[in-house]
Amino acid sequence: MIYKVYYQENVLEVPVRENTKSMYVEAGSEREVRQLLKGRNFNIELIQLLEGKHLEHEQASPHFELVKA
């Protein structure tokens, strides 16, 4: 399964929408995604499962780069 993770790069800063970044992670569950990112200093805002047309749309983006668990 592929998840889109919305995050802030610094856990100590107040989240600001304009500074939100995203990454795509291939993992078996949301829990695996959180474990993978646990050592990074990220403030995770949302982890969203991508499926169907939504996944196809994201894969068509030039910014789509998959991180594997």
N, C-alpha and C. Protein backbone atom coordinates (compact mmCIF):
# COMPACT_ATOMS: atom_id res chain seq x y z
N MET A 1 0.84 -1.17 0.00
CA MET A 1 0.00 0.00 0.00
C MET A 1 0.90 1.25 0.00
N ILE A 2 0.37 2.28 -0.59
CA ILE A 2 1.12 3.54 -0.68
C ILE A 2 0.39 4.61 0.13
N TYR A 3 1.17 5.29 0.96
CA TYR A 3 0.64 6.33 1.82
C TYR A 3 1.28 7.66 1.48
N LYS A 4 0.50 8.72 1.59
CA LYS A 4 1.03 10.07 1.44
C LYS A 4 1.13 10.66 2.84
N VAL A 5 2.32 11.13 3.19
CA VAL A 5 2.57 11.68 4.52
C VAL A 5 2.76 13.18 4.40
N TYR A 6 1.93 13.92 5.12
CA TYR A 6 2.06 15.38 5.20
C TYR A 6 2.80 15.69 6.49
N TYR A 7 3.85 16.50 6.40
CA TYR A 7 4.67 16.74 7.58
C TYR A 7 5.33 18.11 7.54
N GLN A 8 5.79 18.52 8.72
CA GLN A 8 6.64 19.70 8.88
C GLN A 8 8.04 19.18 9.18
N GLU A 9 9.06 19.80 8.66
CA GLU A 9 10.42 19.30 8.83
C GLU A 9 10.96 19.45 10.25
N ASN A 10 10.43 20.38 11.01
CA ASN A 10 10.95 20.61 12.36
C ASN A 10 9.83 20.43 13.37
N VAL A 11 10.00 19.46 14.25
CA VAL A 11 8.97 19.15 15.24
C VAL A 11 8.77 20.28 16.25
N LEU A 12 9.74 21.16 16.38
CA LEU A 12 9.66 22.24 17.37
C LEU A 12 8.93 23.48 16.86
N GLU A 13 8.70 23.58 15.56
CA GLU A 13 8.02 24.75 15.00
C GLU A 13 6.51 24.53 14.95
N VAL A 14 5.79 25.63 15.03
CA VAL A 14 4.34 25.58 14.90
C VAL A 14 4.01 25.25 13.44
N PRO A 15 3.11 24.27 13.20
CA PRO A 15 2.76 23.92 11.82
C PRO A 15 2.13 25.10 11.07
N VAL A 16 2.64 25.34 9.88
CA VAL A 16 2.13 26.37 8.99
C VAL A 16 1.88 25.70 7.64
N ARG A 17 0.68 25.87 7.11
CA ARG A 17 0.30 25.17 5.89
C ARG A 17 1.29 25.39 4.75
N GLU A 18 1.80 26.60 4.62
CA GLU A 18 2.73 26.90 3.54
C GLU A 18 4.05 26.13 3.66
N ASN A 19 4.38 25.67 4.85
CA ASN A 19 5.61 24.92 5.07
C ASN A 19 5.40 23.40 5.08
N THR A 20 4.18 22.97 4.86
CA THR A 20 3.89 21.54 4.87
C THR A 20 4.50 20.88 3.64
N LYS A 21 5.18 19.78 3.87
CA LYS A 21 5.77 18.99 2.79
C LYS A 21 5.08 17.64 2.75
N SER A 22 5.33 16.89 1.69
CA SER A 22 4.73 15.56 1.61
C SER A 22 5.72 14.58 1.02
N MET A 23 5.50 13.32 1.38
CA MET A 23 6.30 12.23 0.82
C MET A 23 5.39 11.03 0.66
N TYR A 24 5.80 10.13 -0.21
CA TYR A 24 5.03 8.93 -0.48
C TYR A 24 5.81 7.73 0.06
N VAL A 25 5.12 6.91 0.84
CA VAL A 25 5.78 5.78 1.49
C VAL A 25 5.02 4.51 1.16
N GLU A 26 5.76 3.48 0.76
CA GLU A 26 5.17 2.16 0.54
C GLU A 26 5.37 1.34 1.80
N ALA A 27 4.27 0.91 2.39
CA ALA A 27 4.33 0.13 3.63
C ALA A 27 3.05 -0.70 3.75
N GLY A 28 3.07 -1.64 4.67
CA GLY A 28 1.92 -2.52 4.87
C GLY A 28 0.81 -1.90 5.70
N SER A 29 1.15 -0.87 6.50
CA SER A 29 0.15 -0.24 7.36
C SER A 29 0.62 1.15 7.76
N GLU A 30 -0.31 1.91 8.33
CA GLU A 30 0.05 3.25 8.82
C GLU A 30 1.07 3.13 9.95
N ARG A 31 0.93 2.09 10.74
CA ARG A 31 1.87 1.86 11.84
C ARG A 31 3.30 1.69 11.32
N GLU A 32 3.47 0.95 10.21
CA GLU A 32 4.79 0.77 9.60
C GLU A 32 5.36 2.10 9.12
N VAL A 33 4.50 2.94 8.57
CA VAL A 33 4.94 4.27 8.12
C VAL A 33 5.47 5.07 9.30
N ARG A 34 4.72 5.07 10.40
CA ARG A 34 5.15 5.80 11.60
C ARG A 34 6.47 5.25 12.14
N GLN A 35 6.63 3.92 12.11
CA GLN A 35 7.88 3.31 12.58
C GLN A 35 9.05 3.73 11.69
N LEU A 36 8.83 3.77 10.38
CA LEU A 36 9.86 4.16 9.44
C LEU A 36 10.32 5.60 9.68
N LEU A 37 9.39 6.47 9.99
CA LEU A 37 9.70 7.90 10.16
C LEU A 37 10.02 8.27 11.60
N LYS A 38 9.98 7.33 12.50
CA LYS A 38 10.16 7.58 13.93
C LYS A 38 11.47 8.29 14.25
N GLY A 39 12.55 7.92 13.61
CA GLY A 39 13.85 8.50 13.91
C GLY A 39 14.09 9.88 13.33
N ARG A 40 13.21 10.32 12.47
CA ARG A 40 13.37 11.65 11.86
C ARG A 40 12.70 12.69 12.75
N ASN A 41 13.15 13.90 12.66
CA ASN A 41 12.62 14.98 13.49
C ASN A 41 11.45 15.67 12.79
N PHE A 42 10.45 14.88 12.38
CA PHE A 42 9.29 15.39 11.65
C PHE A 42 8.10 15.57 12.58
N ASN A 43 7.28 16.56 12.26
CA ASN A 43 5.98 16.72 12.88
C ASN A 43 4.97 16.21 11.85
N ILE A 44 4.52 14.99 12.01
CA ILE A 44 3.59 14.38 11.05
C ILE A 44 2.19 14.93 11.28
N GLU A 45 1.63 15.52 10.23
CA GLU A 45 0.28 16.07 10.31
C GLU A 45 -0.77 15.04 9.94
N LEU A 46 -0.51 14.28 8.87
CA LEU A 46 -1.51 13.34 8.36
C LEU A 46 -0.83 12.24 7.56
N ILE A 47 -1.33 11.04 7.71
CA ILE A 47 -0.90 9.91 6.87
C ILE A 47 -2.15 9.43 6.15
N GLN A 48 -2.13 9.51 4.83
CA GLN A 48 -3.31 9.22 4.02
C GLN A 48 -3.03 8.05 3.09
N LEU A 49 -3.89 7.03 3.14
CA LEU A 49 -3.78 5.89 2.23
C LEU A 49 -4.23 6.32 0.84
N LEU A 50 -3.43 6.02 -0.17
CA LEU A 50 -3.78 6.36 -1.55
C LEU A 50 -4.23 5.10 -2.27
N GLU A 51 -5.37 5.17 -2.93
CA GLU A 51 -5.92 4.04 -3.68
C GLU A 51 -6.61 4.54 -4.95
N GLY A 52 -6.76 3.66 -5.90
CA GLY A 52 -7.56 3.92 -7.09
C GLY A 52 -7.12 5.14 -7.88
N LYS A 53 -8.11 5.94 -8.26
CA LYS A 53 -7.87 7.14 -9.09
C LYS A 53 -6.99 8.16 -8.38
N HIS A 54 -7.14 8.26 -7.07
CA HIS A 54 -6.32 9.20 -6.31
C HIS A 54 -4.85 8.81 -6.40
N LEU A 55 -4.55 7.52 -6.28
CA LEU A 55 -3.18 7.04 -6.41
C LEU A 55 -2.66 7.28 -7.83
N GLU A 56 -3.47 6.99 -8.84
CA GLU A 56 -3.05 7.22 -10.23
C GLU A 56 -2.72 8.69 -10.46
N HIS A 57 -3.53 9.58 -9.91
CA HIS A 57 -3.30 11.01 -10.05
C HIS A 57 -1.97 11.42 -9.41
N GLU A 58 -1.72 10.94 -8.21
CA GLU A 58 -0.48 11.26 -7.50
C GLU A 58 0.74 10.70 -8.24
N GLN A 59 0.62 9.50 -8.80
CA GLN A 59 1.74 8.88 -9.52
C GLN A 59 2.08 9.64 -10.80
N ALA A 60 1.12 10.35 -11.35
CA ALA A 60 1.34 11.13 -12.57
C ALA A 60 2.11 12.42 -12.28
N SER A 61 2.20 12.80 -11.03
CA SER A 61 2.90 14.02 -10.64
C SER A 61 4.40 13.86 -10.82
N PRO A 62 5.09 14.90 -11.30
CA PRO A 62 6.56 14.81 -11.43
C PRO A 62 7.26 14.75 -10.08
N HIS A 63 6.55 15.06 -9.00
CA HIS A 63 7.13 15.05 -7.66
C HIS A 63 6.95 13.72 -6.94
N PHE A 64 6.36 12.74 -7.63
CA PHE A 64 6.12 11.45 -7.00
C PHE A 64 7.41 10.66 -6.88
N GLU A 65 7.85 10.47 -5.65
CA GLU A 65 9.06 9.69 -5.37
C GLU A 65 8.73 8.79 -4.18
N LEU A 66 8.83 7.50 -4.39
CA LEU A 66 8.38 6.52 -3.40
C LEU A 66 9.51 6.12 -2.46
N VAL A 67 9.20 6.14 -1.15
CA VAL A 67 10.11 5.67 -0.11
C VAL A 67 9.56 4.32 0.33
N LYS A 68 10.40 3.29 0.37
CA LYS A 68 9.93 1.96 0.76
C LYS A 68 10.31 1.66 2.20
N ALA A 69 9.38 1.03 2.89
CA ALA A 69 9.60 0.67 4.31
C ALA A 69 10.55 -0.50 4.40
